[in-house]
């Protein structure tokens, strides 16, 4: 079943971290609205696969996804687990990234910001 909008928002607000294994690291994958929804929630740390090339990194940054500023990147499961453990022990660091991500989403992903 599909979630109603309010159910979806409630679930996002309850999440502390969201992991995505799809996105830019492929040849040209999709950066979907879900990423911006996560960022704009103001509650959820976004963990994404690390961009592998300069072109992918630039594309991420153009969309407001900057490693260790607005999201946390990983390349391996071991690195992902280490990040999860770190940010569970250091919620203030996660909060800094979450707030920067929310600001980036408002600057890059609203209808007003797209002119």
Foldseek 3Di string as FASTA:
>chain_A
DDDDPVVVLVVLQPEQEDEDEDALQPPHTDPDCVLLSNLQSLRYAYEYADRDDPVSQVVCVLQPNHDLAQHHHDHDPVVVVVVVVVCVVVVVSSSRNSVRSSVSSVCRPDPVNVD
